[in-house]
Amino acid sequence: MLPGRRTLRRDRLNERFNELCAILEPGKPPKADKVAILSDAARLLSQLRAEAQKLKQSNESLQDSIKSLKAEKSKLRDEKTRLKAEKERLEQMLKGVSAAAAPAPFVPHPAAAAAPSFHPAAFVQAGKFVPYPTYPPPAAFWQWIPPTSLDTSKDPAHWPPVA
């Protein structure tokens, strides 16, 4: 009984070595040298482990670049939102300015508002021509002059008297 068991065990080991040889070198006839089969298997396993390690490192670097790209995408999305809001704000400001700068009626200078009104009859009595009623009045640029320039209370301190 003991020799039959050894034979069965040896036959099973030989079958497994033949399967291993067929996996290592498909299409080639199986080797009979068990040491060569085991050394080929060990070499292939070390190659596969090195390749797996390289793939893990590559995967980690790709994960890091994905994280950095997601962060950059988020920053760009925030900047885009901020720029859109700023654009809207500037457009609203431009609409407000264009509405304010629309052809406004002539606004006289405050000093002119206190002066007597110029009626065409007053021109005729003074011997002057009557202004054209359809001719547009000149633009009032005094509105955009800074208030400090309009203030004449400190003129004697800033400029010498005119002769």
C-alpha atoms as a PDB file:
ATOM      1  CA  MET A   1       0.000   0.000   0.000  1.00  0.00           C
ATOM      2  CA  LEU A   2       2.759   2.415   0.795  1.00  0.00           C
ATOM      3  CA  PRO A   3       4.472   2.214  -2.601  1.00  0.00           C
ATOM      4  CA  GLY A   4       1.132   2.830  -4.393  1.00  0.00           C
ATOM      5  CA  ARG A   5       0.537   5.998  -2.438  1.00  0.00           C
ATOM      6  CA  ARG A   6       4.008   7.279  -3.336  1.00  0.00           C
ATOM      7  CA  THR A   7       3.333   6.625  -6.981  1.00  0.00           C
ATOM      8  CA  LEU A   8       0.007   8.467  -6.856  1.00  0.00           C
ATOM      9  CA  ARG A   9       1.642  11.386  -5.073  1.00  0.00           C
ATOM     10  CA  ARG A  10       4.499  11.490  -7.614  1.00  0.00           C
ATOM     11  CA  ASP A  11       2.009  11.356 -10.506  1.00  0.00           C
ATOM     12  CA  ARG A  12      -0.027  14.252  -9.042  1.00  0.00           C
ATOM     13  CA  LEU A  13       3.160  16.313  -8.570  1.00  0.00           C
ATOM     14  CA  ASN A  14       4.208  15.604 -12.162  1.00  0.00           C
ATOM     15  CA  GLU A  15       0.755  16.681 -13.415  1.00  0.00           C
ATOM     16  CA  ARG A  16       0.982  19.932 -11.456  1.00  0.00           C
ATOM     17  CA  PHE A  17       4.501  20.605 -12.823  1.00  0.00           C
ATOM     18  CA  ASN A  18       3.223  19.982 -16.353  1.00  0.00           C
ATOM     19  CA  GLU A  19       0.333  22.446 -15.742  1.00  0.00           C
ATOM     20  CA  LEU A  20       2.781  25.013 -14.348  1.00  0.00           C
ATOM     21  CA  CYS A  21       5.080  24.583 -17.348  1.00  0.00           C
ATOM     22  CA  ALA A  22       2.110  24.973 -19.715  1.00  0.00           C
ATOM     23  CA  ILE A  23       1.116  28.205 -17.938  1.00  0.00           C
ATOM     24  CA  LEU A  24       4.685  29.596 -17.954  1.00  0.00           C
ATOM     25  CA  GLU A  25       5.411  28.760 -21.610  1.00  0.00           C
ATOM     26  CA  PRO A  26       2.195  28.131 -23.513  1.00  0.00           C
ATOM     27  CA  GLY A  27       2.601  26.459 -26.879  1.00  0.00           C
ATOM     28  CA  LYS A  28       5.989  24.861 -26.052  1.00  0.00           C
ATOM     29  CA  PRO A  29       6.448  21.252 -25.083  1.00  0.00           C
ATOM     30  CA  PRO A  30       6.614  20.716 -21.313  1.00  0.00           C
ATOM     31  CA  LYS A  31      10.011  20.558 -19.658  1.00  0.00           C
ATOM     32  CA  ALA A  32      11.013  17.528 -17.726  1.00  0.00           C
ATOM     33  CA  ASP A  33      13.414  19.418 -15.452  1.00  0.00           C
ATOM     34  CA  LYS A  34      11.463  20.396 -12.334  1.00  0.00           C
ATOM     35  CA  VAL A  35      14.186  22.775 -11.124  1.00  0.00           C
ATOM     36  CA  ALA A  36      14.024  24.744 -14.403  1.00  0.00           C
ATOM     37  CA  ILE A  37      10.218  24.935 -14.142  1.00  0.00           C
ATOM     38  CA  LEU A  38      10.442  26.238 -10.555  1.00  0.00           C
ATOM     39  CA  SER A  39      13.151  28.801 -11.436  1.00  0.00           C
ATOM     40  CA  ASP A  40      11.042  30.082 -14.382  1.00  0.00           C
ATOM     41  CA  ALA A  41       8.033  30.380 -12.079  1.00  0.00           C
ATOM     42  CA  ALA A  42      10.058  32.275  -9.452  1.00  0.00           C
ATOM     43  CA  ARG A  43      11.458  34.667 -12.120  1.00  0.00           C
ATOM     44  CA  LEU A  44       7.978  35.315 -13.525  1.00  0.00           C
ATOM     45  CA  LEU A  45       6.560  35.947 -10.044  1.00  0.00           C
ATOM     46  CA  SER A  46       9.287  38.501  -9.258  1.00  0.00           C
ATOM     47  CA  GLN A  47       8.615  40.258 -12.593  1.00  0.00           C
ATOM     48  CA  LEU A  48       4.897  40.363 -11.858  1.00  0.00           C
ATOM     49  CA  ARG A  49       5.505  41.751  -8.368  1.00  0.00           C
ATOM     50  CA  ALA A  50       7.768  44.499  -9.748  1.00  0.00           C
ATOM     51  CA  GLU A  51       5.169  45.344 -12.383  1.00  0.00           C
ATOM     52  CA  ALA A  52       2.411  45.420  -9.749  1.00  0.00           C
ATOM     53  CA  GLN A  53       4.526  47.789  -7.621  1.00  0.00           C
ATOM     54  CA  LYS A  54       5.067  50.098 -10.609  1.00  0.00           C
ATOM     55  CA  LEU A  55       1.339  50.060 -11.322  1.00  0.00           C
ATOM     56  CA  LYS A  56       0.555  50.923  -7.699  1.00  0.00           C
ATOM     57  CA  GLN A  57       2.955  53.871  -7.812  1.00  0.00           C
ATOM     58  CA  SER A  58       1.505  54.997 -11.127  1.00  0.00           C
ATOM     59  CA  ASN A  59      -2.000  54.701  -9.682  1.00  0.00           C
ATOM     60  CA  GLU A  60      -1.030  56.779  -6.634  1.00  0.00           C
ATOM     61  CA  SER A  61       0.521  59.499  -8.795  1.00  0.00           C
ATOM     62  CA  LEU A  62      -2.581  59.549 -10.972  1.00  0.00           C
ATOM     63  CA  GLN A  63      -4.786  59.835  -7.883  1.00  0.00           C
ATOM     64  CA  ASP A  64      -2.664  62.777  -6.688  1.00  0.00           C
ATOM     65  CA  SER A  65      -2.978  64.500 -10.054  1.00  0.00           C
ATOM     66  CA  ILE A  66      -6.734  63.874 -10.021  1.00  0.00           C
ATOM     67  CA  LYS A  67      -6.958  65.541  -6.608  1.00  0.00           C
ATOM     68  CA  SER A  68      -4.908  68.539  -7.746  1.00  0.00           C
ATOM     69  CA  LEU A  69      -6.947  68.848 -10.955  1.00  0.00           C
ATOM     70  CA  LYS A  70     -10.188  68.717  -8.965  1.00  0.00           C
ATOM     71  CA  ALA A  71      -8.883  71.453  -6.671  1.00  0.00           C
ATOM     72  CA  GLU A  72      -7.855  73.547  -9.676  1.00  0.00           C
ATOM     73  CA  LYS A  73     -11.249  72.932 -11.286  1.00  0.00           C
ATOM     74  CA  SER A  74     -12.962  74.078  -8.115  1.00  0.00           C
ATOM     75  CA  LYS A  75     -10.807  77.221  -7.989  1.00  0.00           C
ATOM     76  CA  LEU A  76     -11.548  77.960 -11.637  1.00  0.00           C
ATOM     77  CA  ARG A  77     -15.267  77.435 -11.056  1.00  0.00           C
ATOM     78  CA  ASP A  78     -15.160  79.857  -8.116  1.00  0.00           C
ATOM     79  CA  GLU A  79     -13.228  82.393 -10.171  1.00  0.00           C
ATOM     80  CA  LYS A  80     -15.699  82.006 -13.038  1.00  0.00           C
ATOM     81  CA  THR A  81     -18.600  82.648 -10.661  1.00  0.00           C
ATOM     82  CA  ARG A  82     -16.812  85.661  -9.210  1.00  0.00           C
ATOM     83  CA  LEU A  83     -16.060  87.042 -12.673  1.00  0.00           C
ATOM     84  CA  LYS A  84     -19.672  86.536 -13.773  1.00  0.00           C
ATOM     85  CA  ALA A  85     -20.889  88.406 -10.704  1.00  0.00           C
ATOM     86  CA  GLU A  86     -18.396  91.200 -11.363  1.00  0.00           C
ATOM     87  CA  LYS A  87     -19.475  91.334 -15.002  1.00  0.00           C
ATOM     88  CA  GLU A  88     -23.123  91.623 -13.957  1.00  0.00           C
ATOM     89  CA  ARG A  89     -22.222  94.338 -11.464  1.00  0.00           C
ATOM     90  CA  LEU A  90     -20.290  96.268 -14.108  1.00  0.00           C
ATOM     91  CA  GLU A  91     -23.122  95.873 -16.616  1.00  0.00           C
ATOM     92  CA  GLN A  92     -25.608  97.192 -14.060  1.00  0.00           C
ATOM     93  CA  MET A  93     -23.258 100.071 -13.297  1.00  0.00           C
ATOM     94  CA  LEU A  94     -22.904 100.780 -17.015  1.00  0.00           C
ATOM     95  CA  LYS A  95     -26.665 100.720 -17.455  1.00  0.00           C
ATOM     96  CA  GLY A  96     -27.008 103.120 -14.545  1.00  0.00           C
ATOM     97  CA  VAL A  97     -24.370 105.446 -15.972  1.00  0.00           C
ATOM     98  CA  SER A  98     -25.852 105.299 -19.460  1.00  0.00           C
ATOM     99  CA  ALA A  99     -29.299 105.982 -18.033  1.00  0.00           C
ATOM    100  CA  ALA A 100     -27.904 108.893 -16.017  1.00  0.00           C
ATOM    101  CA  ALA A 101     -25.931 110.167 -19.018  1.00  0.00           C
ATOM    102  CA  ALA A 102     -28.936 109.946 -21.296  1.00  0.00           C
ATOM    103  CA  PRO A 103     -29.731 113.224 -22.996  1.00  0.00           C
ATOM    104  CA  ALA A 104     -30.831 115.102 -19.941  1.00  0.00           C
ATOM    105  CA  PRO A 105     -32.533 118.452 -20.194  1.00  0.00           C
ATOM    106  CA  PHE A 106     -30.307 121.475 -19.862  1.00  0.00           C
ATOM    107  CA  VAL A 107     -29.576 122.122 -16.220  1.00  0.00           C
ATOM    108  CA  PRO A 108     -28.487 125.713 -15.611  1.00  0.00           C
ATOM    109  CA  HIS A 109     -25.699 126.630 -13.260  1.00  0.00           C
ATOM    110  CA  PRO A 110     -26.985 127.534  -9.797  1.00  0.00           C
ATOM    111  CA  ALA A 111     -25.894 131.154 -10.296  1.00  0.00           C
ATOM    112  CA  ALA A 112     -27.798 131.306 -13.582  1.00  0.00           C
ATOM    113  CA  ALA A 113     -30.903 129.973 -11.898  1.00  0.00           C
ATOM    114  CA  ALA A 114     -30.902 133.015  -9.606  1.00  0.00           C
ATOM    115  CA  ALA A 115     -30.543 135.422 -12.566  1.00  0.00           C
ATOM    116  CA  PRO A 116     -33.649 136.959 -14.167  1.00  0.00           C
ATOM    117  CA  SER A 117     -35.209 134.930 -16.921  1.00  0.00           C
ATOM    118  CA  PHE A 118     -34.404 135.946 -20.467  1.00  0.00           C
ATOM    119  CA  HIS A 119     -37.628 136.602 -22.204  1.00  0.00           C
ATOM    120  CA  PRO A 120     -37.508 137.428 -25.946  1.00  0.00           C
ATOM    121  CA  ALA A 121     -39.187 140.758 -25.185  1.00  0.00           C
ATOM    122  CA  ALA A 122     -36.185 141.701 -23.019  1.00  0.00           C
ATOM    123  CA  PHE A 123     -33.879 141.114 -25.992  1.00  0.00           C
ATOM    124  CA  VAL A 124     -35.991 143.274 -28.253  1.00  0.00           C
ATOM    125  CA  GLN A 125     -35.974 146.142 -25.719  1.00  0.00           C
ATOM    126  CA  ALA A 126     -32.217 145.909 -25.329  1.00  0.00           C
ATOM    127  CA  GLY A 127     -31.749 145.969 -29.096  1.00  0.00           C
ATOM    128  CA  LYS A 128     -30.349 142.474 -29.267  1.00  0.00           C
ATOM    129  CA  PHE A 129     -31.350 139.537 -31.387  1.00  0.00           C
ATOM    130  CA  VAL A 130     -33.778 136.936 -30.104  1.00  0.00           C
ATOM    131  CA  PRO A 131     -32.148 133.499 -29.707  1.00  0.00           C
ATOM    132  CA  TYR A 132     -33.419 130.707 -31.929  1.00  0.00           C
ATOM    133  CA  PRO A 133     -36.018 128.745 -29.967  1.00  0.00           C
ATOM    134  CA  THR A 134     -35.321 125.495 -31.871  1.00  0.00           C
ATOM    135  CA  TYR A 135     -31.554 125.671 -31.378  1.00  0.00           C
ATOM    136  CA  PRO A 136     -30.496 123.317 -28.534  1.00  0.00           C
ATOM    137  CA  PRO A 137     -28.919 124.968 -25.539  1.00  0.00           C
ATOM    138  CA  PRO A 138     -25.208 124.400 -24.889  1.00  0.00           C
ATOM    139  CA  ALA A 139     -24.216 121.400 -22.811  1.00  0.00           C
ATOM    140  CA  ALA A 140     -23.900 122.039 -19.112  1.00  0.00           C
ATOM    141  CA  PHE A 141     -20.436 120.821 -18.173  1.00  0.00           C
ATOM    142  CA  TRP A 142     -20.351 122.546 -14.817  1.00  0.00           C
ATOM    143  CA  GLN A 143     -22.105 119.481 -13.370  1.00  0.00           C
ATOM    144  CA  TRP A 144     -18.912 117.451 -13.677  1.00  0.00           C
ATOM    145  CA  ILE A 145     -16.599 120.066 -12.166  1.00  0.00           C
ATOM    146  CA  PRO A 146     -15.514 119.050  -8.664  1.00  0.00           C
ATOM    147  CA  PRO A 147     -17.233 121.079  -5.911  1.00  0.00           C
ATOM    148  CA  THR A 148     -13.876 122.317  -4.623  1.00  0.00           C
ATOM    149  CA  SER A 149     -13.253 124.067  -7.949  1.00  0.00           C
ATOM    150  CA  LEU A 150     -16.692 125.698  -7.890  1.00  0.00           C
ATOM    151  CA  ASP A 151     -16.120 127.106  -4.412  1.00  0.00           C
ATOM    152  CA  THR A 152     -14.853 130.676  -4.884  1.00  0.00           C
ATOM    153  CA  SER A 153     -14.605 131.601  -1.222  1.00  0.00           C
ATOM    154  CA  LYS A 154     -10.841 130.873  -1.118  1.00  0.00           C
ATOM    155  CA  ASP A 155      -9.962 132.499  -4.451  1.00  0.00           C
ATOM    156  CA  PRO A 156      -8.155 135.520  -2.902  1.00  0.00           C
ATOM    157  CA  ALA A 157      -5.847 133.167  -1.018  1.00  0.00           C
ATOM    158  CA  HIS A 158      -5.048 131.051  -4.077  1.00  0.00           C
ATOM    159  CA  TRP A 159      -4.758 133.664  -6.839  1.00  0.00           C
ATOM    160  CA  PRO A 160      -3.497 137.247  -6.896  1.00  0.00           C
ATOM    161  CA  PRO A 161      -5.992 139.991  -7.650  1.00  0.00           C
ATOM    162  CA  VAL A 162      -6.463 140.820 -11.311  1.00  0.00           C
ATOM    163  CA  ALA A 163      -5.364 144.315 -12.282  1.00  0.00           C
END
